Amino acid sequence: MRKIVLLCAAGMSTSMLVTKMKKYAESEGYDCEIDAHAVSEAKQYGAEADIVLLGPQVRFNLAKVKEQCPNCPVEAIDMAAYGAMDGAKVIRRVKEVLGD
């Protein structure tokens, strides 16, 4: 099972995207756990993650979060995918990065 952590300003704005990602992952049989948290909690939740994704509104924290989560890939979510709440596109990117 893959653990995917999304980070945004307060951990709330990505909840809709998390729901769409979970729905797509389920339809594909992709075994993963997806949670959203505030970017201020990156170190705490990123330590257990297979990948950490930043919402576009906090992408300026990318370098800082990479330092806090050195054991997994850290990426900003594609702005178009985020804006469209395209959970399928985000999951496909996760699978690409993780080699799944």
N, C-alpha and C. Protein backbone atom coordinates (compact mmCIF):
# COMPACT_ATOMS: atom_id res chain seq x y z
N MET A 1 0.83 -1.18 0.00
CA MET A 1 0.00 0.00 0.00
C MET A 1 0.87 1.24 0.00
N ARG A 2 0.53 2.18 -0.89
CA ARG A 2 1.25 3.45 -0.98
C ARG A 2 0.60 4.48 -0.08
N LYS A 3 1.43 5.31 0.52
CA LYS A 3 0.91 6.39 1.36
C LYS A 3 1.22 7.72 0.67
N ILE A 4 0.15 8.42 0.31
CA ILE A 4 0.26 9.69 -0.40
C ILE A 4 -0.20 10.80 0.53
N VAL A 5 0.64 11.81 0.70
CA VAL A 5 0.31 12.93 1.57
C VAL A 5 0.22 14.20 0.72
N LEU A 6 -0.91 14.87 0.79
CA LEU A 6 -1.09 16.15 0.13
C LEU A 6 -0.98 17.24 1.18
N LEU A 7 -0.28 18.30 0.84
CA LEU A 7 -0.12 19.43 1.76
C LEU A 7 -0.68 20.69 1.12
N CYS A 8 -1.42 21.45 1.91
CA CYS A 8 -1.94 22.73 1.45
C CYS A 8 -1.85 23.72 2.59
N ALA A 9 -2.49 24.86 2.44
CA ALA A 9 -2.37 25.91 3.45
C ALA A 9 -2.86 25.45 4.81
N ALA A 10 -4.04 24.83 4.85
CA ALA A 10 -4.59 24.42 6.15
C ALA A 10 -5.00 22.95 6.19
N GLY A 11 -4.77 22.22 5.11
CA GLY A 11 -5.16 20.82 5.08
C GLY A 11 -6.61 20.61 4.68
N MET A 12 -7.28 21.68 4.33
CA MET A 12 -8.70 21.59 4.00
C MET A 12 -8.95 21.73 2.50
N SER A 13 -8.25 22.62 1.84
CA SER A 13 -8.57 22.92 0.44
C SER A 13 -8.33 21.75 -0.50
N THR A 14 -7.54 20.80 -0.09
CA THR A 14 -7.28 19.65 -0.96
C THR A 14 -8.23 18.50 -0.70
N SER A 15 -9.15 18.63 0.24
CA SER A 15 -10.01 17.50 0.59
C SER A 15 -10.85 17.01 -0.57
N MET A 16 -11.32 17.93 -1.42
CA MET A 16 -12.10 17.51 -2.59
C MET A 16 -11.24 16.72 -3.57
N LEU A 17 -10.01 17.17 -3.74
CA LEU A 17 -9.10 16.46 -4.64
C LEU A 17 -8.76 15.08 -4.07
N VAL A 18 -8.57 14.99 -2.77
CA VAL A 18 -8.30 13.70 -2.12
C VAL A 18 -9.44 12.72 -2.42
N THR A 19 -10.67 13.18 -2.30
CA THR A 19 -11.83 12.33 -2.58
C THR A 19 -11.80 11.82 -4.01
N LYS A 20 -11.50 12.70 -4.96
CA LYS A 20 -11.46 12.29 -6.37
C LYS A 20 -10.29 11.35 -6.65
N MET A 21 -9.17 11.59 -5.98
CA MET A 21 -8.02 10.70 -6.13
C MET A 21 -8.35 9.31 -5.61
N LYS A 22 -8.98 9.25 -4.44
CA LYS A 22 -9.35 7.96 -3.84
C LYS A 22 -10.31 7.20 -4.76
N LYS A 23 -11.27 7.92 -5.31
CA LYS A 23 -12.26 7.28 -6.19
C LYS A 23 -11.57 6.69 -7.43
N TYR A 24 -10.66 7.45 -8.04
CA TYR A 24 -9.95 6.95 -9.21
C TYR A 24 -9.04 5.78 -8.84
N ALA A 25 -8.30 5.91 -7.76
CA ALA A 25 -7.39 4.84 -7.33
C ALA A 25 -8.16 3.54 -7.11
N GLU A 26 -9.32 3.66 -6.48
CA GLU A 26 -10.17 2.49 -6.22
C GLU A 26 -10.61 1.85 -7.53
N SER A 27 -11.01 2.66 -8.50
CA SER A 27 -11.47 2.14 -9.79
C SER A 27 -10.34 1.43 -10.55
N GLU A 28 -9.10 1.84 -10.28
CA GLU A 28 -7.93 1.24 -10.93
C GLU A 28 -7.34 0.08 -10.12
N GLY A 29 -7.86 -0.14 -8.93
CA GLY A 29 -7.30 -1.18 -8.07
C GLY A 29 -5.94 -0.79 -7.50
N TYR A 30 -5.69 0.51 -7.41
CA TYR A 30 -4.41 1.01 -6.89
C TYR A 30 -4.53 1.15 -5.37
N ASP A 31 -3.76 0.34 -4.66
CA ASP A 31 -3.84 0.27 -3.20
C ASP A 31 -3.05 1.43 -2.58
N CYS A 32 -3.78 2.42 -2.09
CA CYS A 32 -3.10 3.57 -1.49
C CYS A 32 -3.97 4.21 -0.42
N GLU A 33 -3.28 4.94 0.43
CA GLU A 33 -3.92 5.75 1.47
C GLU A 33 -3.56 7.19 1.16
N ILE A 34 -4.57 8.05 1.11
CA ILE A 34 -4.35 9.45 0.74
C ILE A 34 -4.91 10.35 1.83
N ASP A 35 -4.07 11.25 2.33
CA ASP A 35 -4.49 12.17 3.37
C ASP A 35 -4.02 13.57 3.04
N ALA A 36 -4.74 14.57 3.54
CA ALA A 36 -4.35 15.97 3.36
C ALA A 36 -4.06 16.60 4.72
N HIS A 37 -3.02 17.40 4.73
CA HIS A 37 -2.61 18.07 5.97
C HIS A 37 -2.11 19.47 5.63
N ALA A 38 -1.93 20.26 6.65
CA ALA A 38 -1.36 21.60 6.48
C ALA A 38 0.13 21.47 6.17
N VAL A 39 0.65 22.37 5.36
CA VAL A 39 2.07 22.32 5.00
C VAL A 39 2.95 22.45 6.24
N SER A 40 2.45 23.07 7.28
CA SER A 40 3.22 23.19 8.52
C SER A 40 3.45 21.84 9.19
N GLU A 41 2.71 20.82 8.77
CA GLU A 41 2.84 19.48 9.34
C GLU A 41 3.63 18.53 8.42
N ALA A 42 4.36 19.10 7.49
CA ALA A 42 5.10 18.31 6.49
C ALA A 42 6.04 17.29 7.12
N LYS A 43 6.82 17.73 8.08
CA LYS A 43 7.82 16.84 8.68
C LYS A 43 7.14 15.66 9.38
N GLN A 44 6.06 15.94 10.08
CA GLN A 44 5.34 14.90 10.83
C GLN A 44 4.73 13.85 9.90
N TYR A 45 4.02 14.30 8.88
CA TYR A 45 3.31 13.35 8.02
C TYR A 45 4.14 12.86 6.84
N GLY A 46 5.09 13.67 6.41
CA GLY A 46 5.95 13.28 5.29
C GLY A 46 6.89 12.15 5.63
N ALA A 47 7.22 12.00 6.90
CA ALA A 47 8.14 10.95 7.33
C ALA A 47 7.62 9.56 7.01
N GLU A 48 6.31 9.39 6.98
CA GLU A 48 5.70 8.09 6.73
C GLU A 48 5.23 7.92 5.29
N ALA A 49 5.38 8.96 4.48
CA ALA A 49 4.81 8.96 3.13
C ALA A 49 5.71 8.31 2.09
N ASP A 50 5.08 7.80 1.04
CA ASP A 50 5.82 7.34 -0.14
C ASP A 50 6.03 8.50 -1.10
N ILE A 51 5.11 9.48 -1.05
CA ILE A 51 5.22 10.68 -1.87
C ILE A 51 4.46 11.80 -1.18
N VAL A 52 4.98 13.02 -1.31
CA VAL A 52 4.34 14.20 -0.75
C VAL A 52 4.03 15.14 -1.91
N LEU A 53 2.77 15.59 -1.96
CA LEU A 53 2.34 16.50 -3.02
C LEU A 53 1.89 17.82 -2.41
N LEU A 54 2.35 18.92 -3.00
CA LEU A 54 1.98 20.25 -2.51
C LEU A 54 0.90 20.86 -3.39
N GLY A 55 -0.11 21.44 -2.75
CA GLY A 55 -1.10 22.19 -3.50
C GLY A 55 -0.45 23.41 -4.12
N PRO A 56 -0.99 23.88 -5.25
CA PRO A 56 -0.37 25.03 -5.93
C PRO A 56 -0.21 26.26 -5.05
N GLN A 57 -1.12 26.44 -4.09
CA GLN A 57 -1.06 27.63 -3.24
C GLN A 57 0.11 27.60 -2.25
N VAL A 58 0.74 26.45 -2.08
CA VAL A 58 1.89 26.36 -1.17
C VAL A 58 3.14 25.84 -1.87
N ARG A 59 3.14 25.84 -3.18
CA ARG A 59 4.28 25.29 -3.93
C ARG A 59 5.58 26.05 -3.67
N PHE A 60 5.47 27.30 -3.19
CA PHE A 60 6.67 28.07 -2.86
C PHE A 60 7.45 27.42 -1.71
N ASN A 61 6.81 26.47 -1.00
CA ASN A 61 7.46 25.74 0.10
C ASN A 61 8.19 24.48 -0.37
N LEU A 62 8.27 24.27 -1.66
CA LEU A 62 8.82 23.02 -2.20
C LEU A 62 10.20 22.68 -1.65
N ALA A 63 11.13 23.60 -1.71
CA ALA A 63 12.50 23.33 -1.24
C ALA A 63 12.51 23.00 0.25
N LYS A 64 11.74 23.74 1.03
CA LYS A 64 11.68 23.53 2.47
C LYS A 64 11.11 22.14 2.79
N VAL A 65 10.04 21.77 2.09
CA VAL A 65 9.41 20.47 2.34
C VAL A 65 10.34 19.34 1.89
N LYS A 66 11.07 19.55 0.80
CA LYS A 66 12.04 18.53 0.36
C LYS A 66 13.10 18.29 1.44
N GLU A 67 13.52 19.35 2.11
CA GLU A 67 14.48 19.21 3.21
C GLU A 67 13.87 18.44 4.39
N GLN A 68 12.58 18.71 4.67
CA GLN A 68 11.91 18.08 5.79
C GLN A 68 11.53 16.62 5.50
N CYS A 69 11.44 16.27 4.23
CA CYS A 69 11.02 14.91 3.83
C CYS A 69 12.05 14.33 2.86
N PRO A 70 13.26 14.07 3.34
CA PRO A 70 14.33 13.64 2.44
C PRO A 70 14.20 12.20 1.94
N ASN A 71 13.29 11.42 2.52
CA ASN A 71 13.20 10.00 2.16
C ASN A 71 12.12 9.67 1.15
N CYS A 72 11.49 10.71 0.57
CA CYS A 72 10.46 10.44 -0.43
C CYS A 72 10.42 11.58 -1.44
N PRO A 73 9.85 11.30 -2.63
CA PRO A 73 9.70 12.38 -3.61
C PRO A 73 8.71 13.43 -3.11
N VAL A 74 9.01 14.69 -3.43
CA VAL A 74 8.13 15.80 -3.08
C VAL A 74 7.90 16.60 -4.36
N GLU A 75 6.64 16.80 -4.72
CA GLU A 75 6.31 17.53 -5.94
C GLU A 75 5.15 18.47 -5.71
N ALA A 76 5.08 19.52 -6.53
CA ALA A 76 3.90 20.38 -6.55
C ALA A 76 2.88 19.74 -7.49
N ILE A 77 1.63 19.79 -7.09
CA ILE A 77 0.56 19.26 -7.95
C ILE A 77 0.41 20.17 -9.15
N ASP A 78 0.26 19.58 -10.32
CA ASP A 78 0.03 20.32 -11.55
C ASP A 78 -1.15 21.27 -11.36
N MET A 79 -0.94 22.55 -11.69
CA MET A 79 -1.97 23.55 -11.43
C MET A 79 -3.27 23.27 -12.19
N ALA A 80 -3.15 22.82 -13.43
CA ALA A 80 -4.35 22.53 -14.22
C ALA A 80 -5.11 21.35 -13.61
N ALA A 81 -4.39 20.32 -13.19
CA ALA A 81 -5.03 19.15 -12.58
C ALA A 81 -5.70 19.54 -11.27
N TYR A 82 -5.04 20.40 -10.51
CA TYR A 82 -5.62 20.85 -9.23
C TYR A 82 -6.87 21.69 -9.48
N GLY A 83 -6.78 22.62 -10.40
CA GLY A 83 -7.91 23.49 -10.71
C GLY A 83 -9.12 22.72 -11.20
N ALA A 84 -8.86 21.67 -11.98
CA ALA A 84 -9.95 20.84 -12.51
C ALA A 84 -10.36 19.75 -11.53
N MET A 85 -9.65 19.66 -10.39
CA MET A 85 -9.88 18.58 -9.42
C MET A 85 -9.81 17.22 -10.12
N ASP A 86 -8.77 17.08 -10.97
CA ASP A 86 -8.57 15.87 -11.78
C ASP A 86 -7.77 14.84 -10.98
N GLY A 87 -8.48 14.08 -10.14
CA GLY A 87 -7.84 13.07 -9.32
C GLY A 87 -7.13 12.01 -10.12
N ALA A 88 -7.68 11.68 -11.28
CA ALA A 88 -7.08 10.66 -12.14
C ALA A 88 -5.69 11.10 -12.61
N LYS A 89 -5.57 12.35 -13.04
CA LYS A 89 -4.29 12.86 -13.53
C LYS A 89 -3.25 12.86 -12.41
N VAL A 90 -3.67 13.24 -11.21
CA VAL A 90 -2.74 13.29 -10.08
C VAL A 90 -2.28 11.87 -9.71
N ILE A 91 -3.20 10.91 -9.67
CA ILE A 91 -2.83 9.52 -9.37
C ILE A 91 -1.90 8.97 -10.46
N ARG A 92 -2.18 9.27 -11.71
CA ARG A 92 -1.29 8.79 -12.79
C ARG A 92 0.12 9.34 -12.60
N ARG A 93 0.23 10.60 -12.18
CA ARG A 93 1.55 11.19 -11.93
C ARG A 93 2.24 10.51 -10.75
N VAL A 94 1.49 10.25 -9.69
CA VAL A 94 2.04 9.55 -8.53
C VAL A 94 2.60 8.20 -8.96
N LYS A 95 1.83 7.47 -9.74
CA LYS A 95 2.27 6.14 -10.20
C LYS A 95 3.53 6.25 -11.06
N GLU A 96 3.59 7.28 -11.87
CA GLU A 96 4.76 7.51 -12.73
C GLU A 96 6.00 7.78 -11.88
N VAL A 97 5.87 8.66 -10.90
CA VAL A 97 7.01 9.04 -10.04
C VAL A 97 7.47 7.83 -9.22
N LEU A 98 6.51 7.05 -8.71
CA LEU A 98 6.86 5.91 -7.84
C LEU A 98 7.19 4.65 -8.63
N GLY A 99 6.98 4.68 -9.93
CA GLY A 99 7.29 3.50 -10.74
C GLY A 99 6.27 2.38 -10.57
N ASP A 100 5.05 2.72 -10.23
CA ASP A 100 3.98 1.72 -10.03
C ASP A 100 3.20 1.47 -11.31
